[in-house]
Amino acid sequence: MNKFIGHLKTVCRHRHKVFVHCVKAGIPIRGLLHDLSKFSPAEFIPGVKNWQGTRSPNETEREKYGYSRAWMHHKGRNLHHYEYWNDFNPKTRQVEPVRMPPVYFAEMFCDRVAASKTYQGKNYTDVHPLEYFRRGRPHMFIHEETAAALEKVLTVLAEEGEDAAFALIREIVKNGY
């Protein structure tokens, strides 16, 4: 029962932080709809089984089985994940990253900052999301323009703070990146 309550609290706390960020980003509807698939049995049950409270349960599931079924379910239904934006290019005959639409890009930023706040807790600083991105970047299958824009906004967050970063995100939602 403790893992059930712990996972439920973590998901709800994270969704609340994303909602607050999405309001700041000017996309409140995306905040309301954010991560609803986490309440589906395909994601919630493995989340409970693998909950630790300090990192994503998907990481634990991945360590156990070599992959995470919950993550594969999640990324295929949530357009704010860059992993969703990969498709077959008929010209090159290869699967390639696709540039994310600005509204989902903005939600991705909100999600990443909220996740850092959720898992870092009182140790969170505005540098954490940028550090996490840079550690993972060599292994990411993400469109180059999307990656460059994300690094730019995360750098603004790290160097200038949330107000400046959310101003840039609102500009991106309005005019693109």
N, C-alpha and C. Protein backbone atom coordinates (compact mmCIF):
# COMPACT_ATOMS: atom_id res chain seq x y z
N MET A 1 0.82 -1.20 0.00
CA MET A 1 0.00 0.00 0.00
C MET A 1 0.86 1.27 0.00
N ASN A 2 2.03 1.20 0.65
CA ASN A 2 2.91 2.37 0.69
C ASN A 2 3.39 2.77 -0.70
N LYS A 3 3.70 1.77 -1.54
CA LYS A 3 4.15 2.07 -2.90
C LYS A 3 3.01 2.66 -3.72
N PHE A 4 1.79 2.18 -3.51
CA PHE A 4 0.62 2.71 -4.22
C PHE A 4 0.46 4.19 -3.89
N ILE A 5 0.43 4.50 -2.61
CA ILE A 5 0.26 5.90 -2.17
C ILE A 5 1.44 6.74 -2.63
N GLY A 6 2.64 6.21 -2.49
CA GLY A 6 3.83 6.96 -2.89
C GLY A 6 3.82 7.30 -4.38
N HIS A 7 3.49 6.30 -5.20
CA HIS A 7 3.46 6.55 -6.64
C HIS A 7 2.34 7.54 -6.99
N LEU A 8 1.17 7.35 -6.42
CA LEU A 8 0.05 8.26 -6.69
C LEU A 8 0.41 9.69 -6.31
N LYS A 9 1.02 9.87 -5.15
CA LYS A 9 1.43 11.21 -4.72
C LYS A 9 2.48 11.80 -5.65
N THR A 10 3.43 10.99 -6.07
CA THR A 10 4.48 11.48 -6.97
C THR A 10 3.88 11.93 -8.30
N VAL A 11 3.01 11.11 -8.87
CA VAL A 11 2.38 11.46 -10.15
C VAL A 11 1.56 12.74 -10.00
N CYS A 12 0.78 12.83 -8.94
CA CYS A 12 -0.07 14.02 -8.75
C CYS A 12 0.77 15.27 -8.47
N ARG A 13 1.82 15.13 -7.67
CA ARG A 13 2.70 16.27 -7.39
C ARG A 13 3.37 16.75 -8.69
N HIS A 14 3.84 15.79 -9.48
CA HIS A 14 4.48 16.14 -10.76
C HIS A 14 3.47 16.83 -11.69
N ARG A 15 2.28 16.25 -11.84
CA ARG A 15 1.28 16.84 -12.73
C ARG A 15 0.92 18.26 -12.28
N HIS A 16 0.84 18.47 -10.98
CA HIS A 16 0.53 19.82 -10.47
C HIS A 16 1.63 20.81 -10.85
N LYS A 17 2.88 20.39 -10.69
CA LYS A 17 4.00 21.28 -11.07
C LYS A 17 3.97 21.57 -12.57
N VAL A 18 3.69 20.55 -13.38
CA VAL A 18 3.61 20.77 -14.83
C VAL A 18 2.47 21.73 -15.14
N PHE A 19 1.33 21.56 -14.49
CA PHE A 19 0.21 22.47 -14.73
C PHE A 19 0.61 23.92 -14.42
N VAL A 20 1.24 24.14 -13.29
CA VAL A 20 1.68 25.49 -12.91
C VAL A 20 2.63 26.04 -13.98
N HIS A 21 3.54 25.21 -14.44
CA HIS A 21 4.48 25.66 -15.48
C HIS A 21 3.77 25.92 -16.80
N CYS A 22 2.82 25.07 -17.15
CA CYS A 22 2.09 25.28 -18.41
C CYS A 22 1.27 26.57 -18.37
N VAL A 23 0.74 26.93 -17.22
CA VAL A 23 0.05 28.21 -17.09
C VAL A 23 1.04 29.35 -17.35
N LYS A 24 2.24 29.27 -16.75
CA LYS A 24 3.27 30.28 -16.98
C LYS A 24 3.68 30.34 -18.45
N ALA A 25 3.61 29.18 -19.12
CA ALA A 25 4.00 29.10 -20.53
C ALA A 25 2.88 29.53 -21.47
N GLY A 26 1.68 29.76 -20.92
CA GLY A 26 0.55 30.18 -21.75
C GLY A 26 -0.17 29.02 -22.43
N ILE A 27 0.01 27.80 -21.91
CA ILE A 27 -0.63 26.61 -22.48
C ILE A 27 -1.34 25.81 -21.39
N PRO A 28 -2.28 26.43 -20.67
CA PRO A 28 -2.90 25.74 -19.53
C PRO A 28 -3.63 24.45 -19.89
N ILE A 29 -4.21 24.36 -21.07
CA ILE A 29 -4.92 23.12 -21.46
C ILE A 29 -3.95 21.95 -21.51
N ARG A 30 -2.73 22.20 -22.02
CA ARG A 30 -1.72 21.14 -22.06
C ARG A 30 -1.38 20.69 -20.63
N GLY A 31 -1.38 21.62 -19.71
CA GLY A 31 -1.12 21.27 -18.32
C GLY A 31 -2.21 20.41 -17.72
N LEU A 32 -3.46 20.69 -18.07
CA LEU A 32 -4.57 19.87 -17.58
C LEU A 32 -4.53 18.46 -18.16
N LEU A 33 -4.13 18.34 -19.41
CA LEU A 33 -4.11 17.05 -20.10
C LEU A 33 -2.82 16.26 -19.88
N HIS A 34 -1.84 16.91 -19.30
CA HIS A 34 -0.50 16.33 -19.18
C HIS A 34 -0.50 14.99 -18.44
N ASP A 35 0.11 13.99 -19.07
CA ASP A 35 0.39 12.68 -18.47
C ASP A 35 -0.82 11.92 -17.94
N LEU A 36 -1.98 12.15 -18.51
CA LEU A 36 -3.15 11.39 -18.05
C LEU A 36 -2.98 9.89 -18.26
N SER A 37 -2.16 9.50 -19.22
CA SER A 37 -1.93 8.07 -19.46
C SER A 37 -1.24 7.39 -18.28
N LYS A 38 -0.64 8.16 -17.38
CA LYS A 38 0.00 7.56 -16.20
C LYS A 38 -1.02 6.90 -15.28
N PHE A 39 -2.29 7.22 -15.47
CA PHE A 39 -3.34 6.60 -14.65
C PHE A 39 -3.92 5.34 -15.32
N SER A 40 -3.46 5.02 -16.52
CA SER A 40 -3.90 3.80 -17.20
C SER A 40 -3.23 2.60 -16.53
N PRO A 41 -3.88 1.44 -16.55
CA PRO A 41 -3.25 0.25 -15.95
C PRO A 41 -1.87 -0.07 -16.53
N ALA A 42 -1.68 0.17 -17.83
CA ALA A 42 -0.40 -0.14 -18.47
C ALA A 42 0.76 0.66 -17.88
N GLU A 43 0.47 1.82 -17.34
CA GLU A 43 1.52 2.64 -16.74
C GLU A 43 1.46 2.69 -15.23
N PHE A 44 0.24 2.71 -14.68
CA PHE A 44 0.12 2.89 -13.23
C PHE A 44 0.59 1.65 -12.46
N ILE A 45 0.23 0.47 -12.91
CA ILE A 45 0.61 -0.76 -12.19
C ILE A 45 2.13 -0.93 -12.15
N PRO A 46 2.83 -0.83 -13.28
CA PRO A 46 4.30 -0.91 -13.19
C PRO A 46 4.89 0.25 -12.38
N GLY A 47 4.24 1.41 -12.43
CA GLY A 47 4.71 2.54 -11.63
C GLY A 47 4.67 2.25 -10.15
N VAL A 48 3.59 1.61 -9.70
CA VAL A 48 3.47 1.22 -8.29
C VAL A 48 4.52 0.17 -7.94
N LYS A 49 4.63 -0.86 -8.77
CA LYS A 49 5.57 -1.95 -8.50
C LYS A 49 7.02 -1.46 -8.42
N ASN A 50 7.35 -0.44 -9.20
CA ASN A 50 8.74 0.02 -9.31
C ASN A 50 9.00 1.36 -8.64
N TRP A 51 8.03 1.86 -7.90
CA TRP A 51 8.17 3.18 -7.28
C TRP A 51 9.25 3.17 -6.20
N GLN A 52 10.09 4.20 -6.22
CA GLN A 52 11.09 4.41 -5.17
C GLN A 52 11.01 5.83 -4.60
N GLY A 53 10.47 6.76 -5.39
CA GLY A 53 10.31 8.13 -4.92
C GLY A 53 11.44 9.06 -5.26
N THR A 54 12.59 8.50 -5.69
CA THR A 54 13.76 9.33 -5.98
C THR A 54 14.10 9.38 -7.46
N ARG A 55 13.43 8.56 -8.25
CA ARG A 55 13.65 8.53 -9.70
C ARG A 55 12.46 7.88 -10.36
N SER A 56 12.43 7.94 -11.68
CA SER A 56 11.30 7.39 -12.41
C SER A 56 11.21 5.87 -12.22
N PRO A 57 10.01 5.36 -11.96
CA PRO A 57 9.85 3.90 -11.88
C PRO A 57 10.21 3.20 -13.19
N ASN A 58 10.15 3.94 -14.31
CA ASN A 58 10.52 3.35 -15.60
C ASN A 58 11.99 2.93 -15.61
N GLU A 59 12.84 3.67 -14.90
CA GLU A 59 14.26 3.30 -14.83
C GLU A 59 14.43 1.97 -14.12
N THR A 60 13.69 1.77 -13.05
CA THR A 60 13.75 0.51 -12.32
C THR A 60 13.23 -0.64 -13.17
N GLU A 61 12.12 -0.42 -13.85
CA GLU A 61 11.57 -1.45 -14.73
C GLU A 61 12.56 -1.80 -15.84
N ARG A 62 13.23 -0.79 -16.36
CA ARG A 62 14.23 -1.00 -17.42
C ARG A 62 15.40 -1.83 -16.90
N GLU A 63 15.83 -1.57 -15.67
CA GLU A 63 16.93 -2.34 -15.08
C GLU A 63 16.54 -3.81 -14.88
N LYS A 64 15.29 -4.05 -14.51
CA LYS A 64 14.81 -5.42 -14.27
C LYS A 64 14.70 -6.24 -15.55
N TYR A 65 14.14 -5.63 -16.61
CA TYR A 65 13.77 -6.39 -17.80
C TYR A 65 14.55 -6.01 -19.07
N GLY A 66 15.33 -4.95 -19.00
CA GLY A 66 16.04 -4.49 -20.19
C GLY A 66 15.25 -3.51 -21.02
N TYR A 67 14.03 -3.24 -20.62
CA TYR A 67 13.16 -2.27 -21.29
C TYR A 67 12.03 -1.93 -20.32
N SER A 68 11.30 -0.88 -20.65
CA SER A 68 10.16 -0.49 -19.82
C SER A 68 8.91 -0.44 -20.68
N ARG A 69 8.01 -1.40 -20.44
CA ARG A 69 6.74 -1.40 -21.17
C ARG A 69 5.92 -0.16 -20.84
N ALA A 70 5.98 0.27 -19.59
CA ALA A 70 5.23 1.47 -19.18
C ALA A 70 5.72 2.69 -19.98
N TRP A 71 7.05 2.81 -20.14
CA TRP A 71 7.60 3.94 -20.89
C TRP A 71 7.20 3.86 -22.36
N MET A 72 7.26 2.68 -22.94
CA MET A 72 6.88 2.56 -24.35
C MET A 72 5.42 2.95 -24.55
N HIS A 73 4.57 2.57 -23.60
CA HIS A 73 3.16 2.97 -23.65
C HIS A 73 3.06 4.50 -23.53
N HIS A 74 3.79 5.05 -22.57
CA HIS A 74 3.72 6.48 -22.28
C HIS A 74 4.19 7.34 -23.45
N LYS A 75 5.37 7.05 -23.98
CA LYS A 75 5.93 7.90 -25.03
C LYS A 75 5.12 7.82 -26.33
N GLY A 76 4.38 6.74 -26.51
CA GLY A 76 3.57 6.61 -27.71
C GLY A 76 2.23 7.33 -27.64
N ARG A 77 1.90 7.90 -26.49
CA ARG A 77 0.62 8.56 -26.30
C ARG A 77 0.74 10.02 -25.86
N ASN A 78 1.95 10.47 -25.61
CA ASN A 78 2.16 11.80 -25.06
C ASN A 78 3.10 12.60 -25.97
N LEU A 79 2.51 13.55 -26.66
CA LEU A 79 3.21 14.29 -27.71
C LEU A 79 4.27 15.26 -27.19
N HIS A 80 4.37 15.41 -25.88
CA HIS A 80 5.40 16.28 -25.31
C HIS A 80 6.73 15.54 -25.12
N HIS A 81 6.81 14.30 -25.55
CA HIS A 81 8.07 13.56 -25.49
C HIS A 81 8.70 13.53 -26.88
N TYR A 82 9.95 13.93 -26.95
CA TYR A 82 10.62 13.96 -28.26
C TYR A 82 10.66 12.56 -28.89
N GLU A 83 10.62 11.52 -28.07
CA GLU A 83 10.66 10.16 -28.60
C GLU A 83 9.41 9.85 -29.44
N TYR A 84 8.33 10.54 -29.19
CA TYR A 84 7.12 10.38 -30.00
C TYR A 84 7.37 10.83 -31.44
N TRP A 85 8.23 11.84 -31.60
CA TRP A 85 8.42 12.52 -32.88
C TRP A 85 9.53 11.89 -33.70
N ASN A 86 9.36 10.63 -34.01
CA ASN A 86 10.24 9.89 -34.91
C ASN A 86 9.35 9.22 -35.93
N ASP A 87 9.74 9.30 -37.22
CA ASP A 87 8.90 8.70 -38.26
C ASP A 87 9.76 8.27 -39.43
N PHE A 88 9.18 7.42 -40.26
CA PHE A 88 9.85 6.93 -41.46
C PHE A 88 9.87 8.04 -42.50
N ASN A 89 11.06 8.33 -43.01
CA ASN A 89 11.23 9.32 -44.06
C ASN A 89 11.27 8.57 -45.40
N PRO A 90 10.28 8.77 -46.27
CA PRO A 90 10.25 8.03 -47.54
C PRO A 90 11.41 8.38 -48.48
N LYS A 91 12.00 9.56 -48.30
CA LYS A 91 13.13 9.95 -49.16
C LYS A 91 14.41 9.21 -48.78
N THR A 92 14.69 9.14 -47.49
CA THR A 92 15.91 8.47 -47.03
C THR A 92 15.68 7.00 -46.70
N ARG A 93 14.39 6.62 -46.59
CA ARG A 93 13.99 5.25 -46.25
C ARG A 93 14.54 4.83 -44.88
N GLN A 94 14.54 5.80 -43.95
CA GLN A 94 15.00 5.55 -42.58
C GLN A 94 14.06 6.24 -41.60
N VAL A 95 14.05 5.74 -40.39
CA VAL A 95 13.33 6.43 -39.31
C VAL A 95 14.23 7.58 -38.86
N GLU A 96 13.62 8.77 -38.80
CA GLU A 96 14.37 9.98 -38.45
C GLU A 96 13.59 10.81 -37.45
N PRO A 97 14.29 11.61 -36.65
CA PRO A 97 13.60 12.53 -35.75
C PRO A 97 12.85 13.60 -36.54
N VAL A 98 11.70 14.01 -36.02
CA VAL A 98 10.86 15.04 -36.62
C VAL A 98 10.87 16.25 -35.67
N ARG A 99 10.89 17.43 -36.22
CA ARG A 99 10.86 18.67 -35.43
C ARG A 99 9.54 18.74 -34.66
N MET A 100 9.63 18.97 -33.37
CA MET A 100 8.42 19.04 -32.53
C MET A 100 7.65 20.33 -32.77
N PRO A 101 6.33 20.27 -32.82
CA PRO A 101 5.54 21.50 -32.86
C PRO A 101 5.76 22.32 -31.58
N PRO A 102 5.74 23.64 -31.68
CA PRO A 102 6.05 24.50 -30.54
C PRO A 102 5.25 24.23 -29.27
N VAL A 103 3.96 23.94 -29.37
CA VAL A 103 3.17 23.75 -28.16
C VAL A 103 3.63 22.51 -27.39
N TYR A 104 3.99 21.44 -28.08
CA TYR A 104 4.47 20.24 -27.40
C TYR A 104 5.90 20.43 -26.91
N PHE A 105 6.67 21.21 -27.65
CA PHE A 105 8.01 21.59 -27.20
C PHE A 105 7.91 22.32 -25.86
N ALA A 106 6.99 23.27 -25.77
CA ALA A 106 6.81 24.03 -24.54
C ALA A 106 6.39 23.12 -23.39
N GLU A 107 5.48 22.18 -23.68
CA GLU A 107 5.06 21.24 -22.64
C GLU A 107 6.24 20.36 -22.21
N MET A 108 7.09 19.97 -23.16
CA MET A 108 8.28 19.17 -22.83
C MET A 108 9.18 19.94 -21.85
N PHE A 109 9.38 21.22 -22.12
CA PHE A 109 10.18 22.04 -21.20
C PHE A 109 9.55 22.04 -19.81
N CYS A 110 8.25 22.30 -19.75
CA CYS A 110 7.54 22.33 -18.46
C CYS A 110 7.68 21.00 -17.73
N ASP A 111 7.57 19.90 -18.47
CA ASP A 111 7.68 18.56 -17.92
C ASP A 111 9.08 18.31 -17.35
N ARG A 112 10.10 18.69 -18.09
CA ARG A 112 11.47 18.46 -17.64
C ARG A 112 11.79 19.24 -16.37
N VAL A 113 11.35 20.47 -16.31
CA VAL A 113 11.61 21.29 -15.12
C VAL A 113 10.84 20.71 -13.93
N ALA A 114 9.59 20.34 -14.16
CA ALA A 114 8.77 19.76 -13.08
C ALA A 114 9.36 18.44 -12.59
N ALA A 115 9.84 17.61 -13.51
CA ALA A 115 10.44 16.34 -13.11
C ALA A 115 11.69 16.58 -12.26
N SER A 116 12.51 17.54 -12.66
CA SER A 116 13.70 17.85 -11.86
C SER A 116 13.30 18.32 -10.47
N LYS A 117 12.28 19.16 -10.39
CA LYS A 117 11.82 19.64 -9.08
C LYS A 117 11.25 18.50 -8.25
N THR A 118 10.50 17.60 -8.89
CA THR A 118 9.89 16.49 -8.18
C THR A 118 10.95 15.55 -7.62
N TYR A 119 11.92 15.17 -8.43
CA TYR A 119 12.90 14.17 -7.99
C TYR A 119 14.08 14.77 -7.22
N GLN A 120 14.40 16.06 -7.45
CA GLN A 120 15.49 16.69 -6.69
C GLN A 120 15.01 17.24 -5.34
N GLY A 121 13.70 17.53 -5.26
CA GLY A 121 13.16 18.05 -4.00
C GLY A 121 13.86 19.33 -3.59
N LYS A 122 14.23 19.40 -2.32
CA LYS A 122 14.84 20.62 -1.79
C LYS A 122 16.23 20.89 -2.37
N ASN A 123 16.82 19.92 -3.04
CA ASN A 123 18.13 20.10 -3.66
C ASN A 123 18.05 20.70 -5.06
N TYR A 124 16.83 20.92 -5.56
CA TYR A 124 16.66 21.44 -6.92
C TYR A 124 17.27 22.83 -7.06
N THR A 125 17.94 23.03 -8.20
CA THR A 125 18.34 24.37 -8.64
C THR A 125 17.98 24.46 -10.12
N ASP A 126 17.94 25.66 -10.64
CA ASP A 126 17.59 25.87 -12.04
C ASP A 126 18.64 25.31 -13.01
N VAL A 127 19.76 24.85 -12.51
CA VAL A 127 20.79 24.24 -13.35
C VAL A 127 20.50 22.76 -13.60
N HIS A 128 19.75 22.11 -12.69
CA HIS A 128 19.51 20.66 -12.80
C HIS A 128 18.93 20.21 -14.14
N PRO A 129 17.89 20.86 -14.66
CA PRO A 129 17.34 20.38 -15.94
C PRO A 129 18.35 20.45 -17.09
N LEU A 130 19.19 21.47 -17.10
CA LEU A 130 20.22 21.60 -18.14
C LEU A 130 21.26 20.51 -17.99
N GLU A 131 21.71 20.25 -16.77
CA GLU A 131 22.70 19.19 -16.54
C GLU A 131 22.15 17.83 -16.98
N TYR A 132 20.90 17.56 -16.64
CA TYR A 132 20.27 16.29 -17.02
C TYR A 132 20.20 16.15 -18.54
N PHE A 133 19.81 17.24 -19.21
CA PHE A 133 19.75 17.23 -20.67
C PHE A 133 21.13 16.96 -21.27
N ARG A 134 22.14 17.65 -20.78
CA ARG A 134 23.48 17.50 -21.35
C ARG A 134 24.06 16.10 -21.11
N ARG A 135 23.75 15.50 -19.96
CA ARG A 135 24.21 14.13 -19.72
C ARG A 135 23.60 13.15 -20.71
N GLY A 136 22.33 13.34 -21.02
CA GLY A 136 21.63 12.42 -21.90
C GLY A 136 21.74 12.72 -23.38
N ARG A 137 22.14 13.93 -23.73
CA ARG A 137 22.12 14.37 -25.13
C ARG A 137 22.83 13.43 -26.10
N PRO A 138 24.00 12.90 -25.78
CA PRO A 138 24.68 12.03 -26.75
C PRO A 138 23.87 10.79 -27.14
N HIS A 139 22.91 10.43 -26.33
CA HIS A 139 22.13 9.21 -26.58
C HIS A 139 20.71 9.50 -27.08
N MET A 140 20.41 10.76 -27.28
CA MET A 140 19.05 11.15 -27.67
C MET A 140 18.86 11.10 -29.19
N PHE A 141 17.74 10.53 -29.61
CA PHE A 141 17.35 10.51 -31.02
C PHE A 141 16.30 11.59 -31.17
N ILE A 142 16.79 12.84 -31.33
CA ILE A 142 15.94 14.03 -31.30
C ILE A 142 16.34 14.93 -32.48
N HIS A 143 15.37 15.61 -33.06
CA HIS A 143 15.64 16.53 -34.17
C HIS A 143 16.62 17.59 -33.69
N GLU A 144 17.59 17.90 -34.53
CA GLU A 144 18.64 18.85 -34.13
C GLU A 144 18.10 20.23 -33.75
N GLU A 145 17.10 20.74 -34.49
CA GLU A 145 16.54 22.05 -34.15
C GLU A 145 15.81 21.99 -32.81
N THR A 146 15.12 20.89 -32.54
CA THR A 146 14.43 20.73 -31.26
C THR A 146 15.45 20.67 -30.13
N ALA A 147 16.51 19.90 -30.32
CA ALA A 147 17.55 19.78 -29.29
C ALA A 147 18.22 21.13 -29.02
N ALA A 148 18.55 21.86 -30.09
CA ALA A 148 19.21 23.16 -29.93
C ALA A 148 18.30 24.15 -29.20
N ALA A 149 17.03 24.15 -29.55
CA ALA A 149 16.08 25.06 -28.90
C ALA A 149 15.91 24.69 -27.42
N LEU A 150 15.84 23.39 -27.13
CA LEU A 150 15.69 22.95 -25.74
C LEU A 150 16.92 23.34 -24.93
N GLU A 151 18.10 23.13 -25.48
CA GLU A 151 19.32 23.51 -24.75
C GLU A 151 19.34 25.02 -24.52
N LYS A 152 18.90 25.79 -25.50
CA LYS A 152 18.87 27.24 -25.35
C LYS A 152 17.94 27.66 -24.20
N VAL A 153 16.73 27.11 -24.16
CA VAL A 153 15.78 27.49 -23.11
C VAL A 153 16.27 27.01 -21.75
N LEU A 154 16.83 25.81 -21.68
CA LEU A 154 17.36 25.31 -20.40
C LEU A 154 18.55 26.13 -19.93
N THR A 155 19.34 26.64 -20.87
CA THR A 155 20.46 27.52 -20.52
C THR A 155 19.94 28.85 -19.98
N VAL A 156 18.91 29.39 -20.60
CA VAL A 156 18.30 30.62 -20.08
C VAL A 156 17.78 30.38 -18.66
N LEU A 157 17.13 29.24 -18.44
CA LEU A 157 16.65 28.89 -17.10
C LEU A 157 17.81 28.88 -16.11
N ALA A 158 18.91 28.20 -16.47
CA ALA A 158 20.06 28.06 -15.58
C ALA A 158 20.74 29.39 -15.30
N GLU A 159 20.82 30.25 -16.30
CA GLU A 159 21.59 31.49 -16.17
C GLU A 159 20.77 32.70 -15.76
N GLU A 160 19.47 32.70 -16.16
CA GLU A 160 18.65 33.89 -15.93
C GLU A 160 17.42 33.64 -15.07
N GLY A 161 17.05 32.39 -14.85
CA GLY A 161 15.93 32.06 -13.99
C GLY A 161 14.63 31.79 -14.74
N GLU A 162 13.63 31.41 -13.96
CA GLU A 162 12.34 30.98 -14.52
C GLU A 162 11.62 32.07 -15.30
N ASP A 163 11.62 33.30 -14.79
CA ASP A 163 10.88 34.36 -15.49
C ASP A 163 11.38 34.52 -16.93
N ALA A 164 12.69 34.54 -17.10
CA ALA A 164 13.27 34.70 -18.43
C ALA A 164 12.99 33.46 -19.29
N ALA A 165 13.10 32.28 -18.70
CA ALA A 165 12.87 31.05 -19.46
C ALA A 165 11.41 30.95 -19.92
N PHE A 166 10.48 31.27 -19.05
CA PHE A 166 9.06 31.19 -19.44
C PHE A 166 8.69 32.28 -20.43
N ALA A 167 9.35 33.43 -20.37
CA ALA A 167 9.12 34.47 -21.40
C ALA A 167 9.57 33.94 -22.76
N LEU A 168 10.70 33.26 -22.80
CA LEU A 168 11.19 32.68 -24.05
C LEU A 168 10.25 31.57 -24.54
N ILE A 169 9.76 30.75 -23.63
CA ILE A 169 8.82 29.67 -24.00
C ILE A 169 7.54 30.26 -24.59
N ARG A 170 7.01 31.31 -23.97
CA ARG A 170 5.79 31.95 -24.52
C ARG A 170 6.04 32.48 -25.93
N GLU A 171 7.23 33.03 -26.15
CA GLU A 171 7.61 33.52 -27.49
C GLU A 171 7.67 32.36 -28.48
N ILE A 172 8.20 31.22 -28.06
CA ILE A 172 8.30 30.05 -28.92
C ILE A 172 6.90 29.52 -29.25
N VAL A 173 6.01 29.48 -28.27
CA VAL A 173 4.63 29.03 -28.53
C VAL A 173 3.97 29.94 -29.55
N LYS A 174 4.21 31.23 -29.43
CA LYS A 174 3.59 32.21 -30.33
C LYS A 174 4.20 32.21 -31.73
N ASN A 175 5.53 32.16 -31.81
CA ASN A 175 6.21 32.38 -33.09
C ASN A 175 7.06 31.21 -33.59
N GLY A 176 7.17 30.16 -32.81
CA GLY A 176 7.99 29.02 -33.22
C GLY A 176 9.43 29.18 -32.76
N TYR A 177 10.20 28.16 -33.06
CA TYR A 177 11.62 28.19 -32.70
C TYR A 177 12.48 27.90 -33.91
